[in-house]
Amino acid sequence: MGRVYVLDVDEDAINALKKVIREKEIPNIDTIVTDASNKMPLFDESIDITFMSNILHGFVANCQADRVMEEVTRVTMHGGRLVVIEFKKQESPVGPPLSIRLIPEDLDRLTGKYGFRRNLEGDVGPYSYLAMFQREGACKPEDERCWLDRYSTVMNR
């Protein structure tokens, strides 16, 4: 069983998750209170899949995106994935101001500087979308992480 590392700057959110982890006796989730714009307490190239949900726009708006992407690149394995969920750049009853929302091409420009290439995009409900990127580096066919390559191929048809 793999490990899941949950990082959040919000200590209350981490404490709420810790409670659920204890109640459900989930053994493979580690929680860390930290700011992703600082050095993450994770080893270099130790993460198969890095997941960011509805936060990247805030780092861009606060001029912290490059620092965050440096850390994401440091901890994500070569051939690993970055999955980003962001609010669509359209009026909606939820989400940040329209002026700071990101379109997939904004994500391409940002992540591309760090060796990530988008290979999947799709809607996640009426107000959000998902974009999946692969970090440069080969993913060997026998590596179980490559199921994502097969999945991406099927999804893009």
Protein backbone atom coordinates (compact mmCIF):
# COMPACT_ATOMS: atom_id res chain seq x y z
CA MET A 1 0.00 0.00 0.00
CA GLY A 2 1.35 3.41 -0.97
CA ARG A 3 1.63 6.44 1.26
CA VAL A 4 -0.44 9.58 0.93
CA TYR A 5 0.99 12.85 2.20
CA VAL A 6 -1.53 15.63 2.79
CA LEU A 7 -0.02 19.09 3.10
CA ASP A 8 -2.05 22.14 4.03
CA VAL A 9 -1.29 25.49 5.60
CA ASP A 10 -4.61 25.34 7.51
CA GLU A 11 -4.01 23.56 10.82
CA ASP A 12 -7.76 23.24 11.46
CA ALA A 13 -8.21 21.42 8.14
CA ILE A 14 -5.33 19.07 8.97
CA ASN A 15 -6.75 18.40 12.45
CA ALA A 16 -10.18 17.61 10.97
CA LEU A 17 -8.56 15.18 8.54
CA LYS A 18 -6.54 13.58 11.36
CA LYS A 19 -9.81 12.91 13.17
CA VAL A 20 -11.27 11.15 10.12
CA ILE A 21 -8.05 9.17 9.68
CA ARG A 22 -8.24 7.98 13.30
CA GLU A 23 -11.96 7.17 13.13
CA LYS A 24 -11.61 5.21 9.89
CA GLU A 25 -8.27 3.70 10.93
CA ILE A 26 -6.53 4.64 7.69
CA PRO A 27 -2.88 3.65 8.13
CA ASN A 28 -1.23 5.15 5.05
CA ILE A 29 -2.02 8.88 5.28
CA ASP A 30 0.45 11.32 6.80
CA THR A 31 -0.63 14.90 7.44
CA ILE A 32 1.70 17.88 7.48
CA VAL A 33 0.91 21.49 8.32
CA THR A 34 3.09 23.53 5.98
CA ASP A 35 3.01 26.26 3.38
CA ALA A 36 3.69 24.82 -0.09
CA SER A 37 5.57 27.97 -1.04
CA ASN A 38 8.25 26.97 1.49
CA LYS A 39 10.43 23.88 1.34
CA MET A 40 8.13 20.89 1.70
CA PRO A 41 9.24 18.32 4.30
CA LEU A 42 9.44 15.57 1.64
CA PHE A 43 12.40 13.84 0.02
CA ASP A 44 13.53 14.71 -3.51
CA GLU A 45 11.66 12.76 -6.19
CA SER A 46 9.68 10.83 -3.58
CA ILE A 47 6.16 11.45 -4.94
CA ASP A 48 4.49 9.58 -7.84
CA ILE A 49 1.46 11.85 -8.10
CA THR A 50 1.29 15.41 -6.80
CA PHE A 51 -2.28 16.71 -6.48
CA MET A 52 -3.26 20.37 -6.10
CA SER A 53 -6.92 21.26 -5.80
CA ASN A 54 -8.16 24.83 -6.23
CA ILE A 55 -5.02 26.46 -4.85
CA LEU A 56 -2.67 27.17 -7.73
CA HIS A 57 -4.54 30.33 -8.76
CA GLY A 58 -3.83 31.77 -5.31
CA PHE A 59 -0.11 31.11 -5.61
CA VAL A 60 -0.12 32.78 -9.04
CA ALA A 61 -2.04 35.79 -7.71
CA ASN A 62 0.41 36.12 -4.80
CA CYS A 63 3.51 35.75 -7.03
CA GLN A 64 4.43 32.47 -5.30
CA ALA A 65 3.74 30.08 -8.19
CA ASP A 66 7.36 29.71 -9.25
CA ARG A 67 8.48 28.88 -5.72
CA VAL A 68 5.66 26.32 -5.38
CA MET A 69 6.47 24.78 -8.76
CA GLU A 70 10.15 24.51 -7.81
CA GLU A 71 9.09 22.45 -4.80
CA VAL A 72 6.56 20.40 -6.78
CA THR A 73 9.29 19.60 -9.29
CA ARG A 74 11.77 18.72 -6.55
CA VAL A 75 9.46 16.19 -4.86
CA THR A 76 7.79 14.70 -7.97
CA MET A 77 9.58 11.75 -9.56
CA HIS A 78 10.78 11.92 -13.15
CA GLY A 79 7.90 10.45 -15.16
CA GLY A 80 5.55 11.30 -12.26
CA ARG A 81 2.31 13.22 -12.51
CA LEU A 82 1.00 16.57 -11.41
CA VAL A 83 -2.78 16.73 -11.19
CA VAL A 84 -4.32 20.19 -10.88
CA ILE A 85 -7.96 21.05 -10.28
CA GLU A 86 -8.86 24.68 -10.85
CA PHE A 87 -12.00 26.76 -11.18
CA LYS A 88 -13.07 27.41 -14.77
CA LYS A 89 -12.58 30.98 -15.93
CA GLN A 90 -16.31 31.70 -16.00
CA GLU A 91 -18.79 33.34 -13.68
CA SER A 92 -19.97 30.93 -10.99
CA PRO A 93 -21.52 31.05 -7.53
CA VAL A 94 -18.33 29.62 -5.98
CA GLY A 95 -14.62 30.21 -6.34
CA PRO A 96 -12.16 33.07 -6.50
CA PRO A 97 -12.61 36.28 -8.49
CA LEU A 98 -12.70 35.72 -12.23
CA SER A 99 -9.60 37.89 -12.63
CA ILE A 100 -7.32 35.34 -10.90
CA ARG A 101 -8.76 32.14 -12.35
CA LEU A 102 -6.48 30.15 -14.63
CA ILE A 103 -7.21 28.57 -17.99
CA PRO A 104 -5.48 25.31 -18.98
CA GLU A 105 -3.06 27.22 -21.21
CA ASP A 106 -1.96 29.28 -18.17
CA LEU A 107 -1.18 26.00 -16.43
CA ASP A 108 0.72 24.79 -19.51
CA ARG A 109 2.95 27.88 -19.47
CA LEU A 110 3.60 27.61 -15.75
CA THR A 111 4.22 23.88 -15.53
CA GLY A 112 6.07 23.70 -18.85
CA LYS A 113 8.89 25.82 -17.41
CA TYR A 114 9.47 22.99 -14.94
CA GLY A 115 9.40 20.09 -17.37
CA PHE A 116 5.75 19.07 -17.09
CA ARG A 117 3.58 18.36 -20.15
CA ARG A 118 -0.21 18.24 -20.10
CA ASN A 119 -1.63 14.95 -21.26
CA LEU A 120 -5.17 15.01 -19.94
CA GLU A 121 -7.85 17.61 -19.32
CA GLY A 122 -11.52 17.35 -18.43
CA ASP A 123 -14.39 18.88 -16.52
CA VAL A 124 -14.85 18.21 -12.83
CA GLY A 125 -18.42 19.34 -12.30
CA PRO A 126 -19.90 22.56 -13.64
CA TYR A 127 -17.35 24.98 -12.13
CA SER A 128 -13.98 23.20 -12.21
CA TYR A 129 -11.65 21.34 -14.53
CA LEU A 130 -8.81 18.90 -14.06
CA ALA A 131 -5.50 19.01 -15.90
CA MET A 132 -2.95 16.21 -15.60
CA PHE A 133 0.71 16.75 -16.45
CA GLN A 134 3.63 14.36 -16.69
CA ARG A 135 7.10 15.31 -15.57
CA GLU A 136 9.93 14.73 -18.03
CA GLY A 137 11.54 11.35 -17.66
CA ALA A 138 10.65 7.90 -18.77
CA CYS A 139 7.98 5.81 -17.13
CA LYS A 140 8.95 2.16 -17.71
CA PRO A 141 6.09 -0.04 -18.99
CA GLU A 142 6.55 -2.48 -16.09
CA ASP A 143 6.22 0.37 -13.59
CA GLU A 144 2.73 0.37 -12.09
CA ARG A 145 2.65 4.17 -12.39
CA CYS A 146 2.33 3.63 -16.14
CA TRP A 147 -1.32 2.69 -15.72
CA LEU A 148 -1.80 6.45 -15.87
CA ASP A 149 -0.28 6.48 -19.37
CA ARG A 150 -2.74 3.82 -20.49
CA TYR A 151 -5.61 5.62 -18.77
CA SER A 152 -4.65 8.96 -20.36
CA THR A 153 -4.53 7.35 -23.80
CA VAL A 154 -8.04 5.96 -23.37
CA MET A 155 -9.40 9.27 -22.00
CA ASN A 156 -7.92 11.30 -24.86
CA ARG A 157 -9.56 9.25 -27.62
